[in-house]
N, C-alpha and C. Protein backbone atom coordinates (compact mmCIF):
# COMPACT_ATOMS: atom_id res chain seq x y z
N MET A 1 -19.93 -1.21 -2.87
CA MET A 1 -18.61 -1.31 -2.28
C MET A 1 -18.23 -2.79 -2.19
N ALA A 2 -17.01 -3.09 -2.56
CA ALA A 2 -16.50 -4.46 -2.51
C ALA A 2 -15.29 -4.50 -1.58
N ILE A 3 -15.00 -5.69 -1.10
CA ILE A 3 -13.79 -5.92 -0.31
C ILE A 3 -12.89 -6.84 -1.13
N ILE A 4 -11.67 -6.40 -1.38
CA ILE A 4 -10.67 -7.19 -2.08
C ILE A 4 -9.53 -7.42 -1.11
N GLY A 5 -9.02 -8.63 -1.03
CA GLY A 5 -7.97 -8.87 -0.05
C GLY A 5 -7.13 -10.08 -0.32
N LEU A 6 -6.13 -10.21 0.50
CA LEU A 6 -5.22 -11.36 0.51
C LEU A 6 -5.10 -11.83 1.95
N GLU A 7 -5.11 -13.14 2.14
CA GLU A 7 -4.96 -13.71 3.47
C GLU A 7 -3.75 -14.64 3.49
N GLY A 8 -3.05 -14.60 4.59
CA GLY A 8 -1.96 -15.55 4.80
C GLY A 8 -0.71 -15.28 3.99
N ILE A 9 -0.43 -14.01 3.71
CA ILE A 9 0.83 -13.68 3.03
C ILE A 9 1.97 -14.00 4.00
N ARG A 10 2.88 -14.83 3.61
CA ARG A 10 4.00 -15.23 4.47
C ARG A 10 5.29 -14.66 3.91
N LEU A 11 5.93 -13.81 4.71
CA LEU A 11 7.18 -13.17 4.31
C LEU A 11 8.13 -13.10 5.49
N ARG A 12 9.42 -13.15 5.21
CA ARG A 12 10.44 -12.92 6.23
C ARG A 12 10.87 -11.47 6.15
N GLY A 13 11.26 -10.94 7.30
CA GLY A 13 11.72 -9.56 7.29
C GLY A 13 12.61 -9.27 8.48
N PRO A 14 13.46 -8.25 8.34
CA PRO A 14 14.42 -7.88 9.40
C PRO A 14 13.80 -6.97 10.44
N HIS A 15 12.69 -7.42 11.04
CA HIS A 15 11.94 -6.57 11.95
C HIS A 15 11.99 -7.11 13.37
N GLY A 16 12.23 -6.22 14.31
CA GLY A 16 12.25 -6.60 15.70
C GLY A 16 13.11 -5.64 16.50
N PHE A 17 12.89 -5.63 17.78
CA PHE A 17 13.62 -4.73 18.67
C PHE A 17 15.06 -5.19 18.90
N TYR A 18 15.25 -6.50 18.97
CA TYR A 18 16.56 -7.03 19.32
C TYR A 18 17.46 -7.16 18.09
N PRO A 19 18.77 -6.87 18.27
CA PRO A 19 19.70 -6.92 17.13
C PRO A 19 19.68 -8.26 16.38
N GLU A 20 19.54 -9.36 17.11
CA GLU A 20 19.53 -10.66 16.44
C GLU A 20 18.29 -10.83 15.55
N GLU A 21 17.18 -10.19 15.91
CA GLU A 21 15.99 -10.24 15.06
C GLU A 21 16.23 -9.49 13.76
N GLN A 22 16.92 -8.36 13.87
CA GLN A 22 17.20 -7.57 12.68
C GLN A 22 18.22 -8.27 11.78
N LEU A 23 19.09 -9.03 12.38
CA LEU A 23 20.10 -9.76 11.63
C LEU A 23 19.52 -11.03 10.99
N LEU A 24 18.83 -11.84 11.79
CA LEU A 24 18.31 -13.12 11.33
C LEU A 24 16.94 -13.01 10.67
N GLY A 25 16.19 -11.99 11.05
CA GLY A 25 14.84 -11.82 10.53
C GLY A 25 13.83 -12.68 11.27
N ASN A 26 12.58 -12.42 11.01
CA ASN A 26 11.47 -13.16 11.58
C ASN A 26 10.49 -13.48 10.46
N GLU A 27 9.63 -14.46 10.73
CA GLU A 27 8.58 -14.78 9.78
C GLU A 27 7.30 -14.05 10.18
N PHE A 28 6.63 -13.49 9.18
CA PHE A 28 5.41 -12.73 9.39
C PHE A 28 4.30 -13.27 8.51
N VAL A 29 3.07 -13.12 8.99
CA VAL A 29 1.89 -13.46 8.20
C VAL A 29 1.02 -12.20 8.17
N ILE A 30 0.58 -11.84 6.97
CA ILE A 30 -0.18 -10.61 6.79
C ILE A 30 -1.49 -10.92 6.09
N ASP A 31 -2.57 -10.36 6.63
CA ASP A 31 -3.87 -10.38 5.98
C ASP A 31 -4.22 -8.93 5.67
N VAL A 32 -4.68 -8.67 4.47
CA VAL A 32 -5.06 -7.31 4.10
C VAL A 32 -6.37 -7.36 3.33
N ALA A 33 -7.25 -6.39 3.63
CA ALA A 33 -8.52 -6.25 2.92
C ALA A 33 -8.72 -4.77 2.64
N VAL A 34 -9.14 -4.46 1.42
CA VAL A 34 -9.37 -3.07 1.06
C VAL A 34 -10.80 -2.91 0.55
N ALA A 35 -11.43 -1.81 0.93
CA ALA A 35 -12.76 -1.48 0.44
C ALA A 35 -12.59 -0.62 -0.81
N VAL A 36 -13.30 -0.99 -1.85
CA VAL A 36 -13.17 -0.28 -3.12
C VAL A 36 -14.49 -0.39 -3.90
N ASP A 37 -14.82 0.69 -4.59
CA ASP A 37 -15.98 0.67 -5.48
C ASP A 37 -15.54 0.01 -6.78
N THR A 38 -16.13 -1.13 -7.10
CA THR A 38 -15.71 -1.89 -8.29
C THR A 38 -16.66 -1.71 -9.48
N ASP A 39 -17.63 -0.82 -9.37
CA ASP A 39 -18.63 -0.67 -10.45
C ASP A 39 -17.99 -0.40 -11.81
N LYS A 40 -17.08 0.56 -11.88
CA LYS A 40 -16.45 0.90 -13.17
C LYS A 40 -15.58 -0.24 -13.69
N ALA A 41 -14.91 -0.94 -12.79
CA ALA A 41 -14.09 -2.09 -13.19
C ALA A 41 -14.96 -3.18 -13.80
N VAL A 42 -16.08 -3.46 -13.15
CA VAL A 42 -16.99 -4.50 -13.63
C VAL A 42 -17.61 -4.10 -14.96
N GLU A 43 -18.04 -2.85 -15.02
CA GLU A 43 -18.69 -2.34 -16.23
C GLU A 43 -17.80 -2.48 -17.46
N ASN A 44 -16.50 -2.21 -17.29
CA ASN A 44 -15.56 -2.24 -18.41
C ASN A 44 -14.63 -3.44 -18.41
N ASP A 45 -14.79 -4.33 -17.42
CA ASP A 45 -13.89 -5.48 -17.25
C ASP A 45 -12.44 -5.00 -17.28
N ASP A 46 -12.17 -3.96 -16.46
CA ASP A 46 -10.89 -3.24 -16.49
C ASP A 46 -10.16 -3.37 -15.16
N LEU A 47 -9.05 -4.06 -15.18
CA LEU A 47 -8.24 -4.27 -13.97
C LEU A 47 -7.76 -2.96 -13.37
N TYR A 48 -7.54 -1.95 -14.20
CA TYR A 48 -6.99 -0.68 -13.72
C TYR A 48 -8.01 0.21 -13.02
N LYS A 49 -9.27 -0.22 -13.01
CA LYS A 49 -10.32 0.53 -12.30
C LYS A 49 -10.65 -0.10 -10.96
N THR A 50 -9.83 -1.06 -10.53
CA THR A 50 -10.04 -1.73 -9.26
C THR A 50 -8.69 -1.83 -8.55
N VAL A 51 -8.63 -2.62 -7.51
CA VAL A 51 -7.38 -2.85 -6.79
C VAL A 51 -6.85 -4.22 -7.22
N ASN A 52 -5.72 -4.20 -7.88
CA ASN A 52 -5.07 -5.42 -8.34
C ASN A 52 -4.40 -6.09 -7.14
N TYR A 53 -4.82 -7.30 -6.78
CA TYR A 53 -4.24 -7.93 -5.59
C TYR A 53 -2.80 -8.35 -5.80
N GLU A 54 -2.36 -8.50 -7.05
CA GLU A 54 -0.93 -8.74 -7.29
C GLU A 54 -0.13 -7.51 -6.88
N THR A 55 -0.63 -6.34 -7.20
CA THR A 55 0.04 -5.10 -6.80
C THR A 55 0.03 -4.95 -5.28
N LEU A 56 -1.09 -5.32 -4.64
CA LEU A 56 -1.14 -5.32 -3.17
C LEU A 56 0.02 -6.15 -2.60
N PHE A 57 0.18 -7.35 -3.12
CA PHE A 57 1.25 -8.23 -2.66
C PHE A 57 2.62 -7.59 -2.85
N LEU A 58 2.85 -7.03 -4.02
CA LEU A 58 4.16 -6.42 -4.31
C LEU A 58 4.45 -5.22 -3.42
N LEU A 59 3.43 -4.43 -3.10
CA LEU A 59 3.61 -3.28 -2.20
C LEU A 59 3.99 -3.76 -0.81
N ILE A 60 3.31 -4.79 -0.33
CA ILE A 60 3.61 -5.34 1.00
C ILE A 60 5.00 -5.96 1.01
N GLN A 61 5.32 -6.71 -0.01
CA GLN A 61 6.64 -7.35 -0.12
C GLN A 61 7.76 -6.30 -0.08
N ALA A 62 7.57 -5.20 -0.80
CA ALA A 62 8.58 -4.14 -0.82
C ALA A 62 8.75 -3.51 0.56
N GLU A 63 7.65 -3.26 1.24
CA GLU A 63 7.73 -2.64 2.57
C GLU A 63 8.36 -3.58 3.59
N MET A 64 8.17 -4.87 3.42
CA MET A 64 8.74 -5.85 4.35
C MET A 64 10.26 -5.91 4.28
N ARG A 65 10.85 -5.39 3.23
CA ARG A 65 12.31 -5.40 3.09
C ARG A 65 12.98 -4.31 3.93
N GLU A 66 12.22 -3.29 4.32
CA GLU A 66 12.76 -2.16 5.07
C GLU A 66 12.64 -2.43 6.57
N PRO A 67 13.77 -2.47 7.30
CA PRO A 67 13.74 -2.82 8.73
C PRO A 67 12.89 -1.87 9.58
N ALA A 68 12.27 -2.44 10.60
CA ALA A 68 11.53 -1.67 11.60
C ALA A 68 11.70 -2.39 12.94
N GLN A 69 11.78 -1.63 14.00
CA GLN A 69 11.87 -2.24 15.32
C GLN A 69 10.51 -2.70 15.82
N LEU A 70 9.46 -1.95 15.48
CA LEU A 70 8.12 -2.23 16.00
C LEU A 70 7.19 -2.74 14.91
N ILE A 71 6.36 -3.72 15.26
CA ILE A 71 5.36 -4.17 14.29
C ILE A 71 4.33 -3.07 14.03
N GLU A 72 4.15 -2.19 14.99
CA GLU A 72 3.24 -1.05 14.81
C GLU A 72 3.72 -0.16 13.67
N THR A 73 5.02 0.10 13.66
CA THR A 73 5.62 0.94 12.60
C THR A 73 5.49 0.26 11.26
N LEU A 74 5.81 -1.01 11.21
CA LEU A 74 5.74 -1.77 9.97
C LEU A 74 4.32 -1.80 9.42
N ALA A 75 3.34 -2.08 10.27
CA ALA A 75 1.95 -2.14 9.83
C ALA A 75 1.49 -0.79 9.29
N GLN A 76 1.85 0.29 9.95
CA GLN A 76 1.44 1.62 9.50
C GLN A 76 2.09 1.96 8.16
N ARG A 77 3.34 1.59 7.98
CA ARG A 77 4.02 1.84 6.71
C ARG A 77 3.33 1.09 5.56
N ILE A 78 2.92 -0.15 5.81
CA ILE A 78 2.22 -0.92 4.78
C ILE A 78 0.90 -0.24 4.43
N LEU A 79 0.15 0.16 5.45
CA LEU A 79 -1.11 0.86 5.24
C LEU A 79 -0.90 2.13 4.41
N ASP A 80 0.09 2.93 4.79
CA ASP A 80 0.38 4.18 4.08
C ASP A 80 0.74 3.92 2.62
N ARG A 81 1.54 2.88 2.39
CA ARG A 81 1.97 2.58 1.02
C ARG A 81 0.78 2.20 0.15
N ILE A 82 -0.14 1.42 0.69
CA ILE A 82 -1.33 1.02 -0.06
C ILE A 82 -2.20 2.25 -0.36
N GLU A 83 -2.42 3.09 0.65
CA GLU A 83 -3.23 4.29 0.45
C GLU A 83 -2.59 5.23 -0.57
N ASP A 84 -1.27 5.35 -0.55
CA ASP A 84 -0.57 6.23 -1.49
C ASP A 84 -0.64 5.71 -2.93
N HIS A 85 -0.71 4.39 -3.08
CA HIS A 85 -0.68 3.80 -4.42
C HIS A 85 -2.05 3.77 -5.10
N PHE A 86 -3.09 3.49 -4.34
CA PHE A 86 -4.43 3.31 -4.92
C PHE A 86 -5.35 4.46 -4.51
N ASP A 87 -5.72 5.30 -5.47
CA ASP A 87 -6.64 6.41 -5.21
C ASP A 87 -8.05 5.93 -4.87
N GLN A 88 -8.45 4.78 -5.42
CA GLN A 88 -9.82 4.32 -5.28
C GLN A 88 -10.10 3.57 -3.98
N VAL A 89 -9.10 3.38 -3.12
CA VAL A 89 -9.30 2.68 -1.86
C VAL A 89 -10.08 3.56 -0.88
N LYS A 90 -11.15 3.00 -0.33
CA LYS A 90 -12.01 3.72 0.62
C LYS A 90 -11.72 3.34 2.06
N GLY A 91 -10.97 2.27 2.26
CA GLY A 91 -10.62 1.82 3.60
C GLY A 91 -9.75 0.58 3.52
N ILE A 92 -9.00 0.34 4.58
CA ILE A 92 -8.09 -0.81 4.64
C ILE A 92 -8.17 -1.43 6.02
N ARG A 93 -8.12 -2.75 6.05
CA ARG A 93 -7.94 -3.48 7.31
C ARG A 93 -6.72 -4.37 7.12
N LEU A 94 -5.79 -4.29 8.05
CA LEU A 94 -4.54 -5.03 7.96
C LEU A 94 -4.27 -5.73 9.28
N LYS A 95 -3.93 -7.00 9.21
CA LYS A 95 -3.49 -7.75 10.39
C LYS A 95 -2.10 -8.29 10.08
N LEU A 96 -1.15 -7.95 10.93
CA LEU A 96 0.23 -8.38 10.77
C LEU A 96 0.61 -9.21 11.99
N ARG A 97 1.05 -10.45 11.74
CA ARG A 97 1.45 -11.35 12.81
C ARG A 97 2.93 -11.66 12.70
N LYS A 98 3.62 -11.54 13.81
CA LYS A 98 5.02 -11.95 13.92
C LYS A 98 5.01 -13.33 14.56
N LEU A 99 5.43 -14.34 13.82
CA LEU A 99 5.38 -15.71 14.31
C LEU A 99 6.52 -15.99 15.28
N ASN A 100 6.21 -16.76 16.29
CA ASN A 100 7.21 -17.21 17.28
C ASN A 100 8.06 -16.06 17.83
N PRO A 101 7.44 -15.04 18.40
CA PRO A 101 8.23 -13.92 18.93
C PRO A 101 9.14 -14.39 20.07
N PRO A 102 10.33 -13.81 20.18
CA PRO A 102 11.29 -14.26 21.19
C PRO A 102 10.92 -13.77 22.59
N LEU A 103 10.07 -14.53 23.27
CA LEU A 103 9.58 -14.11 24.58
C LEU A 103 10.01 -15.04 25.71
N GLY A 104 10.81 -16.04 25.41
CA GLY A 104 11.26 -16.95 26.45
C GLY A 104 10.29 -18.06 26.77
N GLY A 105 9.25 -18.18 25.98
CA GLY A 105 8.25 -19.23 26.13
C GLY A 105 7.54 -19.41 24.80
N ARG A 106 6.72 -20.43 24.72
CA ARG A 106 6.04 -20.69 23.45
C ARG A 106 4.86 -19.74 23.25
N VAL A 107 4.96 -18.96 22.19
CA VAL A 107 3.88 -18.05 21.77
C VAL A 107 3.80 -18.17 20.26
N ASP A 108 2.63 -18.47 19.75
CA ASP A 108 2.48 -18.64 18.30
C ASP A 108 2.74 -17.35 17.53
N ALA A 109 2.19 -16.23 18.03
CA ALA A 109 2.35 -14.99 17.29
C ALA A 109 2.02 -13.78 18.16
N ALA A 110 2.69 -12.69 17.84
CA ALA A 110 2.31 -11.37 18.33
C ALA A 110 1.65 -10.69 17.12
N PHE A 111 0.64 -9.84 17.35
CA PHE A 111 -0.02 -9.24 16.20
C PHE A 111 -0.50 -7.83 16.48
N ILE A 112 -0.76 -7.13 15.37
CA ILE A 112 -1.41 -5.84 15.39
C ILE A 112 -2.44 -5.83 14.27
N THR A 113 -3.57 -5.18 14.53
CA THR A 113 -4.59 -4.98 13.52
C THR A 113 -4.85 -3.49 13.42
N LEU A 114 -4.82 -2.97 12.19
CA LEU A 114 -5.11 -1.57 11.93
C LEU A 114 -6.24 -1.48 10.91
N SER A 115 -7.06 -0.43 11.03
CA SER A 115 -8.13 -0.19 10.08
C SER A 115 -8.22 1.29 9.77
N THR A 116 -8.61 1.60 8.53
CA THR A 116 -8.81 2.99 8.13
C THR A 116 -10.11 3.10 7.33
N GLY A 117 -10.61 4.31 7.22
CA GLY A 117 -11.75 4.60 6.35
C GLY A 117 -12.95 3.73 6.59
N LYS A 118 -13.53 3.20 5.53
CA LYS A 118 -14.75 2.40 5.58
C LYS A 118 -14.57 1.11 6.37
N MET A 119 -13.34 0.67 6.59
CA MET A 119 -13.09 -0.57 7.32
C MET A 119 -13.19 -0.36 8.83
N GLU A 120 -13.21 0.89 9.28
CA GLU A 120 -13.30 1.18 10.72
C GLU A 120 -14.72 1.03 11.22
N GLU A 121 -15.70 1.08 10.33
CA GLU A 121 -17.12 1.01 10.72
C GLU A 121 -17.50 -0.32 11.27
């Protein structure tokens, strides 16, 4: 079993509870790691037998365009999209950070971490 991932994906998105957040957007940082058996990919040097991290990025980027009020909702949608796209994924760990949340004081980030499958162990 291997872990393939991306760290520090920075994207803007129209996510947040307040109307101004949905209008102006917020900056988010996403880390994602997926558990996958890479034996067949290595054996055949075949990108299509593993998880292409470029595709991971594109899936996350696409989901970030769709508004959500809660970071919980957004994180779950990203997880679902990855699971739906890659049959060979055995587990996912995702951390989504909303930078500088509007809380009336200085806070670097609000975050959620979700895990599924082999990543929950």
